[in-house]
Amino acid sequence: MPRKNPDGSRDYSYDKQYEKTPKQLKANEERTQARRILAKEGKVSKFDGKDVDHIKPVSKGGTNSRTNLRAIPKSVNRAKGNRK
């Protein structure tokens, strides 16, 4: 949901600050690409409470290939963090 100013208009300054570095943009694209792969198979959908998990984290040399992806509950994936 977009941020609002006190007068009710949209605050665009936040949008300019959020995810603007090349590193952040690349990471966001990788997450989106992984989710698309599992969405095509029907494993995840919007607002289903599942996250796409990389079995071997991308930061540790993992890839977005299908064999490295699985759908797990959001709470489990967030607790797992960057561990293998």
C-alpha atoms as a PDB file:
ATOM      1  CA  MET A   1       0.000   0.000   0.000  1.00  0.00           C
ATOM      2  CA  PRO A   2       1.443   3.395  -0.943  1.00  0.00           C
ATOM      3  CA  ARG A   3       2.363   5.816   1.803  1.00  0.00           C
ATOM      4  CA  LYS A   4       0.105   8.823   2.243  1.00  0.00           C
ATOM      5  CA  ASN A   5       0.780  12.390   3.271  1.00  0.00           C
ATOM      6  CA  PRO A   6      -1.367  13.932   6.040  1.00  0.00           C
ATOM      7  CA  ASP A   7      -3.512  15.605   3.362  1.00  0.00           C
ATOM      8  CA  GLY A   8      -4.261  12.209   1.761  1.00  0.00           C
ATOM      9  CA  SER A   9      -2.021  12.573  -1.296  1.00  0.00           C
ATOM     10  CA  ARG A  10       0.529   9.887  -2.160  1.00  0.00           C
ATOM     11  CA  ASP A  11       4.080  10.223  -0.828  1.00  0.00           C
ATOM     12  CA  TYR A  12       6.383   9.518  -3.779  1.00  0.00           C
ATOM     13  CA  SER A  13       9.611  10.230  -1.890  1.00  0.00           C
ATOM     14  CA  TYR A  14       9.408   6.783  -0.270  1.00  0.00           C
ATOM     15  CA  ASP A  15       9.136   5.094  -3.680  1.00  0.00           C
ATOM     16  CA  LYS A  16      12.323   6.767  -4.855  1.00  0.00           C
ATOM     17  CA  GLN A  17      14.255   5.510  -1.813  1.00  0.00           C
ATOM     18  CA  TYR A  18      12.959   1.938  -1.782  1.00  0.00           C
ATOM     19  CA  GLU A  19      14.905  -0.690  -3.741  1.00  0.00           C
ATOM     20  CA  LYS A  20      16.915   1.704  -5.811  1.00  0.00           C
ATOM     21  CA  THR A  21      20.418   0.238  -5.661  1.00  0.00           C
ATOM     22  CA  PRO A  22      21.431  -2.172  -8.425  1.00  0.00           C
ATOM     23  CA  LYS A  23      22.087  -4.880  -5.831  1.00  0.00           C
ATOM     24  CA  GLN A  24      18.574  -4.532  -4.397  1.00  0.00           C
ATOM     25  CA  LEU A  25      16.982  -4.483  -7.844  1.00  0.00           C
ATOM     26  CA  LYS A  26      18.833  -7.648  -8.874  1.00  0.00           C
ATOM     27  CA  ALA A  27      17.836  -9.475  -5.676  1.00  0.00           C
ATOM     28  CA  ASN A  28      14.203  -8.477  -6.176  1.00  0.00           C
ATOM     29  CA  GLU A  29      14.236  -9.748  -9.765  1.00  0.00           C
ATOM     30  CA  GLU A  30      15.722 -13.086  -8.669  1.00  0.00           C
ATOM     31  CA  ARG A  31      12.981 -13.539  -6.055  1.00  0.00           C
ATOM     32  CA  THR A  32      10.313 -12.674  -8.599  1.00  0.00           C
ATOM     33  CA  GLN A  33      11.757 -15.078 -11.163  1.00  0.00           C
ATOM     34  CA  ALA A  34      11.829 -17.933  -8.642  1.00  0.00           C
ATOM     35  CA  ARG A  35       8.215 -17.289  -7.630  1.00  0.00           C
ATOM     36  CA  ARG A  36       7.097 -17.270 -11.274  1.00  0.00           C
ATOM     37  CA  ILE A  37       8.624 -20.703 -11.825  1.00  0.00           C
ATOM     38  CA  LEU A  38       6.633 -22.248  -8.965  1.00  0.00           C
ATOM     39  CA  ALA A  39       3.499 -20.270  -9.800  1.00  0.00           C
ATOM     40  CA  LYS A  40       3.438 -21.806 -13.284  1.00  0.00           C
ATOM     41  CA  GLU A  41       3.389 -25.238 -11.647  1.00  0.00           C
ATOM     42  CA  GLY A  42       0.601 -24.217  -9.280  1.00  0.00           C
ATOM     43  CA  LYS A  43       2.749 -24.621  -6.164  1.00  0.00           C
ATOM     44  CA  VAL A  44       2.289 -20.999  -4.986  1.00  0.00           C
ATOM     45  CA  SER A  45      -0.163 -18.185  -5.583  1.00  0.00           C
ATOM     46  CA  LYS A  46      -0.649 -14.688  -4.249  1.00  0.00           C
ATOM     47  CA  PHE A  47      -1.669 -14.430  -0.596  1.00  0.00           C
ATOM     48  CA  ASP A  48      -1.405 -18.178   0.044  1.00  0.00           C
ATOM     49  CA  GLY A  49       1.045 -17.770   2.939  1.00  0.00           C
ATOM     50  CA  LYS A  50       3.864 -19.603   1.166  1.00  0.00           C
ATOM     51  CA  ASP A  51       7.350 -18.458   0.268  1.00  0.00           C
ATOM     52  CA  VAL A  52       9.695 -19.781  -2.379  1.00  0.00           C
ATOM     53  CA  ASP A  53      12.665 -21.349  -0.640  1.00  0.00           C
ATOM     54  CA  HIS A  54      16.036 -21.914  -2.240  1.00  0.00           C
ATOM     55  CA  ILE A  55      17.318 -25.228  -0.889  1.00  0.00           C
ATOM     56  CA  LYS A  56      20.866 -23.944  -1.327  1.00  0.00           C
ATOM     57  CA  PRO A  57      20.754 -20.162  -0.765  1.00  0.00           C
ATOM     58  CA  VAL A  58      21.674 -17.949  -3.707  1.00  0.00           C
ATOM     59  CA  SER A  59      24.175 -16.160  -1.475  1.00  0.00           C
ATOM     60  CA  LYS A  60      25.971 -19.479  -0.938  1.00  0.00           C
ATOM     61  CA  GLY A  61      26.147 -20.398  -4.632  1.00  0.00           C
ATOM     62  CA  GLY A  62      22.597 -21.669  -5.205  1.00  0.00           C
ATOM     63  CA  THR A  63      20.646 -20.952  -8.378  1.00  0.00           C
ATOM     64  CA  ASN A  64      17.072 -20.282  -9.446  1.00  0.00           C
ATOM     65  CA  SER A  65      16.858 -23.641 -11.220  1.00  0.00           C
ATOM     66  CA  ARG A  66      13.728 -25.653 -10.486  1.00  0.00           C
ATOM     67  CA  THR A  67      15.693 -28.358  -8.663  1.00  0.00           C
ATOM     68  CA  ASN A  68      16.813 -25.765  -6.070  1.00  0.00           C
ATOM     69  CA  LEU A  69      13.327 -24.354  -5.376  1.00  0.00           C
ATOM     70  CA  ARG A  70      10.510 -25.462  -3.099  1.00  0.00           C
ATOM     71  CA  ALA A  71       7.378 -23.866  -1.653  1.00  0.00           C
ATOM     72  CA  ILE A  72       7.223 -23.780   2.142  1.00  0.00           C
ATOM     73  CA  PRO A  73       5.194 -21.777   4.684  1.00  0.00           C
ATOM     74  CA  LYS A  74       6.349 -18.196   5.082  1.00  0.00           C
ATOM     75  CA  SER A  75       7.070 -18.556   8.813  1.00  0.00           C
ATOM     76  CA  VAL A  76       9.346 -21.563   8.228  1.00  0.00           C
ATOM     77  CA  ASN A  77      11.299 -19.844   5.448  1.00  0.00           C
ATOM     78  CA  ARG A  78      11.766 -16.624   7.417  1.00  0.00           C
ATOM     79  CA  ALA A  79      12.987 -18.578  10.462  1.00  0.00           C
ATOM     80  CA  LYS A  80      15.398 -20.586   8.280  1.00  0.00           C
ATOM     81  CA  GLY A  81      17.087 -17.453   6.987  1.00  0.00           C
ATOM     82  CA  ASN A  82      20.348 -17.970   5.098  1.00  0.00           C
ATOM     83  CA  ARG A  83      21.098 -21.464   6.380  1.00  0.00           C
ATOM     84  CA  LYS A  84      21.313 -24.497   4.161  1.00  0.00           C
END
